[in-house]
N, C-alpha and C. Protein backbone atom coordinates (compact mmCIF):
# COMPACT_ATOMS: atom_id res chain seq x y z
N MET A 1 -2.40 -17.67 -16.74
CA MET A 1 -3.10 -18.62 -16.09
C MET A 1 -3.75 -17.89 -14.70
N ARG A 2 -4.71 -18.31 -14.47
CA ARG A 2 -5.39 -17.67 -13.22
C ARG A 2 -5.23 -18.56 -12.15
N SER A 3 -4.79 -18.05 -10.88
CA SER A 3 -4.46 -18.76 -9.78
C SER A 3 -5.73 -19.42 -9.16
N PRO A 4 -5.55 -20.44 -8.20
CA PRO A 4 -6.60 -21.07 -7.75
C PRO A 4 -7.56 -20.01 -6.99
N ARG A 5 -8.89 -20.15 -7.02
CA ARG A 5 -9.65 -19.26 -6.30
C ARG A 5 -9.62 -19.54 -4.58
N HIS A 6 -9.50 -18.74 -4.01
CA HIS A 6 -9.44 -18.86 -2.53
C HIS A 6 -10.89 -18.75 -1.93
N GLU A 7 -10.98 -19.20 -0.72
CA GLU A 7 -12.38 -19.04 -0.28
C GLU A 7 -12.48 -17.88 0.54
N ARG A 8 -11.56 -17.11 1.09
CA ARG A 8 -11.62 -15.97 1.77
C ARG A 8 -10.36 -14.87 1.07
N GLY A 9 -10.65 -13.66 1.12
CA GLY A 9 -9.69 -12.66 0.87
C GLY A 9 -10.01 -11.23 1.07
N LEU A 10 -9.04 -10.43 1.30
CA LEU A 10 -9.11 -9.03 1.57
C LEU A 10 -9.07 -8.19 0.39
N LEU A 11 -9.78 -7.42 0.03
CA LEU A 11 -9.98 -6.59 -1.07
C LEU A 11 -9.08 -5.29 -0.90
N ASP A 12 -8.33 -4.79 -1.68
CA ASP A 12 -7.68 -3.68 -1.63
C ASP A 12 -8.53 -2.48 -2.17
N THR A 13 -8.34 -1.38 -1.86
CA THR A 13 -9.23 -0.18 -2.27
C THR A 13 -9.37 -0.20 -3.60
N SER A 14 -8.24 -0.45 -4.48
CA SER A 14 -8.42 -0.46 -5.89
C SER A 14 -9.39 -1.56 -6.46
N VAL A 15 -9.59 -2.44 -5.88
CA VAL A 15 -10.58 -3.74 -6.21
C VAL A 15 -11.94 -3.15 -5.93
N VAL A 16 -12.11 -2.55 -4.80
CA VAL A 16 -13.44 -2.02 -4.43
C VAL A 16 -13.89 -0.97 -5.51
N ILE A 17 -13.05 -0.01 -5.69
CA ILE A 17 -13.33 0.95 -6.80
C ILE A 17 -13.87 0.40 -8.10
N ASP A 18 -13.16 -0.69 -8.50
CA ASP A 18 -13.26 -1.55 -9.71
C ASP A 18 -14.29 -2.44 -9.68
N LEU A 19 -14.92 -2.82 -8.64
CA LEU A 19 -15.72 -4.07 -8.36
C LEU A 19 -16.64 -4.45 -9.51
N ALA A 20 -17.35 -3.46 -9.90
CA ALA A 20 -18.23 -3.85 -11.12
C ALA A 20 -17.51 -4.39 -12.36
N ARG A 21 -16.26 -3.98 -12.49
CA ARG A 21 -15.53 -4.39 -13.60
C ARG A 21 -14.81 -5.68 -13.58
N ILE A 22 -14.78 -6.39 -12.35
CA ILE A 22 -13.99 -7.58 -12.20
C ILE A 22 -15.00 -8.80 -12.15
N PRO A 23 -14.70 -9.73 -13.00
CA PRO A 23 -15.51 -11.07 -13.07
C PRO A 23 -15.54 -11.48 -11.65
N PRO A 24 -16.62 -11.98 -11.03
CA PRO A 24 -16.63 -12.67 -9.68
C PRO A 24 -15.91 -13.90 -9.57
N ALA A 25 -15.72 -14.57 -10.81
CA ALA A 25 -14.73 -15.66 -10.78
C ALA A 25 -13.52 -15.41 -10.24
N ASP A 26 -13.07 -14.10 -10.46
CA ASP A 26 -11.46 -13.61 -10.17
C ASP A 26 -11.30 -13.35 -8.72
N LEU A 27 -12.58 -13.39 -7.89
CA LEU A 27 -12.43 -12.98 -6.35
C LEU A 27 -12.88 -14.19 -5.62
N PRO A 28 -12.42 -14.17 -4.29
CA PRO A 28 -12.70 -15.27 -3.47
C PRO A 28 -14.24 -15.27 -3.14
N ALA A 29 -14.78 -16.39 -2.59
CA ALA A 29 -16.10 -16.56 -2.36
C ALA A 29 -16.45 -15.61 -1.33
N PHE A 30 -15.70 -15.34 -0.28
CA PHE A 30 -16.04 -14.56 0.77
C PHE A 30 -14.99 -13.31 1.01
N VAL A 31 -15.43 -12.01 0.58
CA VAL A 31 -14.46 -10.97 0.62
C VAL A 31 -14.74 -10.11 1.97
N ALA A 32 -13.53 -9.45 2.37
CA ALA A 32 -13.59 -8.46 3.35
C ALA A 32 -12.81 -7.34 2.86
N ILE A 33 -13.08 -6.26 3.50
CA ILE A 33 -12.27 -4.97 3.35
C ILE A 33 -11.59 -4.40 4.82
N SER A 34 -10.62 -3.66 4.62
CA SER A 34 -9.90 -3.08 5.93
C SER A 34 -10.63 -1.89 6.22
N ALA A 35 -10.53 -1.46 7.56
CA ALA A 35 -11.05 -0.25 7.94
C ALA A 35 -10.19 0.86 7.17
N VAL A 36 -9.02 0.55 6.76
CA VAL A 36 -8.22 1.42 6.09
C VAL A 36 -9.06 1.75 4.71
N THR A 37 -9.48 0.73 3.93
CA THR A 37 -10.14 0.92 2.79
C THR A 37 -11.39 1.78 3.01
N LEU A 38 -12.13 1.67 4.12
CA LEU A 38 -13.24 2.40 4.35
C LEU A 38 -12.97 3.84 4.62
N THR A 39 -11.57 3.98 5.17
CA THR A 39 -11.08 5.40 5.24
C THR A 39 -10.89 6.07 4.04
N GLU A 40 -10.21 5.27 3.19
CA GLU A 40 -9.84 5.94 1.88
C GLU A 40 -11.14 6.40 1.16
N LEU A 41 -12.09 5.34 1.14
CA LEU A 41 -13.54 5.78 0.48
C LEU A 41 -14.28 6.75 1.17
N THR A 42 -14.19 7.05 2.34
CA THR A 42 -14.85 8.06 3.20
C THR A 42 -14.28 9.41 2.78
N ALA A 43 -12.89 9.40 2.51
CA ALA A 43 -12.20 10.65 2.20
C ALA A 43 -12.62 11.02 0.60
N GLY A 44 -12.84 10.04 -0.18
CA GLY A 44 -13.01 10.28 -1.54
C GLY A 44 -13.92 11.31 -2.09
N PRO A 45 -15.29 11.38 -1.50
CA PRO A 45 -16.26 12.51 -1.82
C PRO A 45 -15.61 13.84 -1.48
N HIS A 46 -14.81 13.94 -0.55
CA HIS A 46 -14.16 15.32 0.03
C HIS A 46 -13.07 15.76 -0.83
N ALA A 47 -12.48 14.91 -1.68
CA ALA A 47 -11.28 15.00 -2.40
C ALA A 47 -11.39 15.67 -3.91
N THR A 48 -12.75 15.94 -4.08
CA THR A 48 -12.95 16.34 -5.48
C THR A 48 -13.83 17.54 -5.33
N GLU A 49 -13.81 18.66 -6.18
CA GLU A 49 -14.68 19.71 -6.25
C GLU A 49 -15.76 19.57 -7.15
N ASP A 50 -15.78 18.54 -7.92
CA ASP A 50 -16.76 18.32 -9.08
C ASP A 50 -17.89 17.63 -8.29
N PRO A 51 -19.13 18.36 -8.27
CA PRO A 51 -20.34 17.54 -7.61
C PRO A 51 -20.88 16.41 -8.25
N ALA A 52 -20.76 16.22 -9.51
CA ALA A 52 -21.07 14.79 -10.01
C ALA A 52 -20.12 13.64 -9.81
N GLU A 53 -18.98 13.98 -9.72
CA GLU A 53 -17.96 12.89 -9.06
C GLU A 53 -18.06 13.04 -7.54
N ARG A 54 -18.31 13.84 -6.96
CA ARG A 54 -18.63 13.75 -5.48
C ARG A 54 -19.95 12.91 -5.12
N ALA A 55 -20.85 12.96 -5.94
CA ALA A 55 -22.05 12.07 -6.00
C ALA A 55 -21.76 10.64 -6.11
N ARG A 56 -20.95 10.48 -7.27
CA ARG A 56 -20.55 9.04 -7.57
C ARG A 56 -19.67 8.39 -6.37
N ARG A 57 -18.79 9.20 -5.89
CA ARG A 57 -18.03 8.62 -4.75
C ARG A 57 -18.84 8.43 -3.50
N GLN A 58 -19.82 9.36 -3.27
CA GLN A 58 -20.68 9.09 -2.22
C GLN A 58 -21.45 7.84 -2.18
N ALA A 59 -22.08 7.73 -3.56
CA ALA A 59 -23.00 6.66 -3.68
C ALA A 59 -22.16 5.24 -3.59
N ARG A 60 -20.79 5.27 -3.95
CA ARG A 60 -19.95 4.01 -4.04
C ARG A 60 -19.67 3.83 -2.62
N LEU A 61 -19.44 4.80 -1.60
CA LEU A 61 -19.22 4.63 -0.40
C LEU A 61 -20.33 4.00 0.50
N GLN A 62 -21.47 4.36 -0.06
CA GLN A 62 -22.75 3.97 0.70
C GLN A 62 -23.04 2.40 0.23
N GLN A 63 -22.67 2.20 -1.07
CA GLN A 63 -22.74 0.59 -1.46
C GLN A 63 -21.87 -0.07 -0.73
N VAL A 64 -20.58 0.43 -0.47
CA VAL A 64 -19.52 -0.61 0.12
C VAL A 64 -19.97 -0.60 1.61
N GLU A 65 -20.38 0.41 2.12
CA GLU A 65 -20.90 0.23 3.54
C GLU A 65 -21.94 -0.78 3.78
N SER A 66 -22.87 -0.84 2.91
CA SER A 66 -23.99 -1.74 3.08
C SER A 66 -23.61 -2.94 2.64
N ARG A 67 -22.58 -3.31 1.92
CA ARG A 67 -22.15 -4.61 1.34
C ARG A 67 -21.11 -5.22 2.23
N PHE A 68 -20.29 -4.50 2.91
CA PHE A 68 -19.03 -4.91 3.47
C PHE A 68 -18.85 -4.62 4.89
N GLU A 69 -18.67 -5.45 5.92
CA GLU A 69 -18.25 -5.18 7.19
C GLU A 69 -16.68 -4.93 7.38
N ALA A 70 -16.23 -3.78 7.58
CA ALA A 70 -14.83 -3.41 7.48
C ALA A 70 -14.06 -4.11 8.82
N ILE A 71 -13.04 -4.67 8.52
CA ILE A 71 -12.05 -5.34 9.69
C ILE A 71 -11.40 -4.25 10.24
N PRO A 72 -11.59 -4.21 11.51
CA PRO A 72 -11.09 -3.08 12.38
C PRO A 72 -9.43 -3.22 12.18
N PHE A 73 -8.80 -2.09 12.34
CA PHE A 73 -7.30 -2.34 12.51
C PHE A 73 -6.97 -2.31 13.94
N ASP A 74 -6.77 -3.36 14.42
CA ASP A 74 -6.50 -3.61 15.81
C ASP A 74 -5.00 -3.95 16.12
N GLY A 75 -4.64 -4.43 17.33
CA GLY A 75 -3.34 -4.70 17.67
C GLY A 75 -2.68 -5.89 16.89
N SER A 76 -3.28 -6.84 16.24
CA SER A 76 -2.60 -7.73 15.58
C SER A 76 -2.01 -7.17 14.29
N MET A 77 -2.93 -6.25 13.73
CA MET A 77 -2.46 -5.35 12.44
C MET A 77 -1.57 -4.38 12.82
N ALA A 78 -1.46 -3.77 13.82
CA ALA A 78 -0.32 -2.72 14.15
C ALA A 78 0.72 -3.61 14.58
N ARG A 79 0.88 -4.77 15.01
CA ARG A 79 2.23 -5.63 15.34
C ARG A 79 2.67 -6.21 13.81
N ALA A 80 1.71 -6.46 12.85
CA ALA A 80 2.05 -6.95 11.55
C ALA A 80 2.61 -5.86 10.83
N TYR A 81 2.37 -4.52 11.12
CA TYR A 81 3.08 -3.34 10.36
C TYR A 81 4.38 -3.43 10.52
N GLY A 82 5.14 -3.66 11.55
CA GLY A 82 6.52 -3.82 11.66
C GLY A 82 7.19 -4.60 10.68
N PRO A 83 6.87 -5.86 10.41
CA PRO A 83 7.50 -6.44 9.42
C PRO A 83 7.33 -5.91 7.90
N ILE A 84 6.00 -5.41 7.77
CA ILE A 84 5.95 -4.79 6.50
C ILE A 84 6.60 -3.69 6.34
N PHE A 85 6.69 -2.65 7.31
CA PHE A 85 7.68 -1.41 7.30
C PHE A 85 9.05 -1.90 6.98
N ALA A 86 9.53 -3.00 7.70
CA ALA A 86 10.86 -3.18 7.41
C ALA A 86 11.16 -3.86 6.11
N SER A 87 10.37 -4.62 5.67
CA SER A 87 10.47 -5.18 4.24
C SER A 87 10.63 -4.06 3.30
N VAL A 88 9.73 -3.15 3.33
CA VAL A 88 9.79 -1.93 2.36
C VAL A 88 11.14 -1.22 2.51
N LEU A 89 11.47 -1.00 3.83
CA LEU A 89 12.89 -0.38 3.90
C LEU A 89 13.98 -1.12 3.42
N ALA A 90 13.92 -2.20 3.63
CA ALA A 90 15.03 -3.22 3.01
C ALA A 90 15.12 -3.17 1.46
N LEU A 91 14.10 -2.83 0.88
CA LEU A 91 14.10 -2.63 -0.60
C LEU A 91 14.44 -1.39 -1.02
N GLY A 92 14.79 -0.50 0.02
CA GLY A 92 15.16 0.96 -0.32
C GLY A 92 13.88 1.77 -0.89
N ARG A 93 12.59 1.42 -0.44
CA ARG A 93 11.45 2.09 -0.96
C ARG A 93 10.97 2.89 0.19
N LYS A 94 10.25 3.92 -0.16
CA LYS A 94 9.70 4.71 1.11
C LYS A 94 8.45 3.97 1.72
N ALA A 95 8.40 4.02 2.98
CA ALA A 95 7.32 3.43 3.91
C ALA A 95 6.63 4.65 4.49
N ARG A 96 6.57 5.82 4.12
CA ARG A 96 5.84 6.92 4.65
C ARG A 96 5.09 7.63 3.67
N GLY A 97 4.34 8.66 4.00
CA GLY A 97 3.80 9.50 3.08
C GLY A 97 2.48 8.70 2.50
N PRO A 98 2.30 8.88 1.13
CA PRO A 98 1.04 8.36 0.43
C PRO A 98 1.02 6.70 0.64
N ARG A 99 2.16 6.14 0.74
CA ARG A 99 2.29 4.77 0.58
C ARG A 99 1.69 4.05 1.89
N VAL A 100 1.64 4.91 2.99
CA VAL A 100 1.43 4.30 4.24
C VAL A 100 -0.10 3.52 4.33
N LEU A 101 -0.89 4.17 3.64
CA LEU A 101 -2.34 3.42 3.64
C LEU A 101 -2.19 2.01 2.98
N ASP A 102 -1.42 1.93 1.75
CA ASP A 102 -1.19 0.60 1.22
C ASP A 102 -0.88 -0.08 2.24
N LEU A 103 0.27 0.20 2.89
CA LEU A 103 1.13 -0.66 3.87
C LEU A 103 0.30 -1.05 5.05
N LEU A 104 -0.81 -0.21 5.39
CA LEU A 104 -1.66 -0.49 6.69
C LEU A 104 -2.64 -1.51 6.10
N ILE A 105 -3.07 -1.48 4.67
CA ILE A 105 -4.00 -2.60 4.28
C ILE A 105 -3.27 -3.95 4.26
N ALA A 106 -1.83 -3.76 3.68
CA ALA A 106 -1.06 -5.06 3.65
C ALA A 106 -0.96 -5.63 5.22
N ALA A 107 -0.74 -4.69 6.24
CA ALA A 107 -0.81 -5.09 7.45
C ALA A 107 -1.94 -5.86 7.86
N THR A 108 -3.12 -5.42 7.57
CA THR A 108 -4.51 -6.13 7.66
C THR A 108 -4.51 -7.35 7.10
N ALA A 109 -3.91 -7.57 6.04
CA ALA A 109 -3.93 -8.90 5.25
C ALA A 109 -2.98 -9.80 6.09
N LEU A 110 -1.65 -9.32 6.41
CA LEU A 110 -0.90 -10.18 7.30
C LEU A 110 -1.46 -10.47 8.65
N GLY A 111 -2.12 -9.55 9.35
CA GLY A 111 -2.64 -9.92 10.66
C GLY A 111 -3.92 -10.77 10.64
N THR A 112 -4.58 -10.78 9.46
CA THR A 112 -5.75 -11.74 9.39
C THR A 112 -5.43 -13.03 8.60
N ARG A 113 -4.19 -13.02 8.22
CA ARG A 113 -3.72 -14.07 7.26
C ARG A 113 -4.50 -14.27 6.12
N LEU A 114 -5.13 -13.34 5.49
CA LEU A 114 -5.94 -13.26 4.22
C LEU A 114 -5.00 -12.90 2.99
N PRO A 115 -5.25 -13.53 1.94
CA PRO A 115 -4.67 -13.03 0.61
C PRO A 115 -5.22 -11.67 0.33
N LEU A 116 -4.24 -10.91 -0.32
CA LEU A 116 -4.76 -9.46 -0.62
C LEU A 116 -4.92 -9.47 -2.15
N TYR A 117 -6.20 -9.22 -2.61
CA TYR A 117 -6.66 -9.00 -3.93
C TYR A 117 -6.40 -7.48 -4.38
N THR A 118 -5.54 -7.28 -5.29
CA THR A 118 -5.36 -5.77 -5.64
C THR A 118 -5.47 -5.67 -7.27
N ARG A 119 -5.63 -4.38 -7.58
CA ARG A 119 -5.52 -4.00 -9.14
C ARG A 119 -4.07 -3.43 -9.31
N ASN A 120 -3.32 -3.15 -8.20
CA ASN A 120 -2.03 -2.50 -8.23
C ASN A 120 -1.00 -3.38 -7.70
N PRO A 121 -0.56 -4.52 -8.04
CA PRO A 121 0.31 -5.32 -7.30
C PRO A 121 1.71 -4.74 -7.03
N HIS A 122 2.04 -3.83 -7.77
CA HIS A 122 3.40 -3.13 -7.75
C HIS A 122 3.42 -2.33 -6.36
N ASP A 123 2.21 -1.81 -5.89
CA ASP A 123 1.98 -1.07 -4.64
C ASP A 123 2.53 -2.10 -3.60
N PHE A 124 2.43 -3.30 -3.70
CA PHE A 124 2.89 -4.26 -2.56
C PHE A 124 3.96 -5.29 -3.05
N SER A 125 4.85 -4.74 -4.06
CA SER A 125 5.87 -5.40 -4.39
C SER A 125 6.93 -5.61 -3.32
N GLY A 126 7.56 -6.61 -2.96
CA GLY A 126 8.44 -6.87 -1.99
C GLY A 126 7.76 -7.37 -0.65
N LEU A 127 6.63 -7.50 -0.71
CA LEU A 127 6.01 -7.97 0.49
C LEU A 127 5.43 -9.38 0.27
N GLU A 128 5.63 -10.04 -0.85
CA GLU A 128 5.35 -11.38 -1.25
C GLU A 128 5.74 -12.53 -0.25
N ASP A 129 6.82 -12.35 0.59
CA ASP A 129 7.30 -13.40 1.48
C ASP A 129 6.30 -13.12 2.71
N LEU A 130 5.71 -12.11 2.87
CA LEU A 130 4.76 -11.98 4.15
C LEU A 130 3.27 -12.21 3.81
N ILE A 131 2.79 -11.63 2.62
CA ILE A 131 1.54 -11.98 2.35
C ILE A 131 1.24 -12.36 0.83
N GLU A 132 0.23 -13.14 0.64
CA GLU A 132 -0.06 -13.50 -0.57
C GLU A 132 -0.79 -12.36 -1.48
N ILE A 133 -0.34 -11.96 -2.48
CA ILE A 133 -0.68 -10.79 -3.30
C ILE A 133 -1.54 -11.48 -4.59
N VAL A 134 -2.59 -11.06 -4.86
CA VAL A 134 -3.45 -11.74 -5.77
C VAL A 134 -3.82 -10.48 -6.71
N SER A 135 -3.27 -10.50 -8.10
CA SER A 135 -3.65 -9.23 -9.07
C SER A 135 -4.92 -9.88 -9.58
N VAL A 136 -5.70 -8.88 -9.69
CA VAL A 136 -7.12 -8.98 -10.27
C VAL A 136 -7.33 -8.05 -11.45
């Protein structure tokens, strides 16, 4: 059963990457991305040696930059990171390393009080008491 459509939502990087494959009805009417997602997408072209893949990633980055205004990571998000970090540690999970970018996106969702739309809900498991996680 599909959850009710929200008016607004924050898109995880996984959703932005797969956006063309996601039915619009599965997403909120107004969507935003975090500056952290923009950071990940900006790194993408540099993370491959394959020229064709680099070009695809660069094109995606340009499309995203023209379509979305990234929400800056500000003081409210920095303060929201504390409870996110604590929740992850309480579950015995790692809150450092590659996971940090996901947690910063979660902090953006908490700081803006937006539901977080993701293709990888397991990346945010244990945070359901803090943010609404919508799997698409």
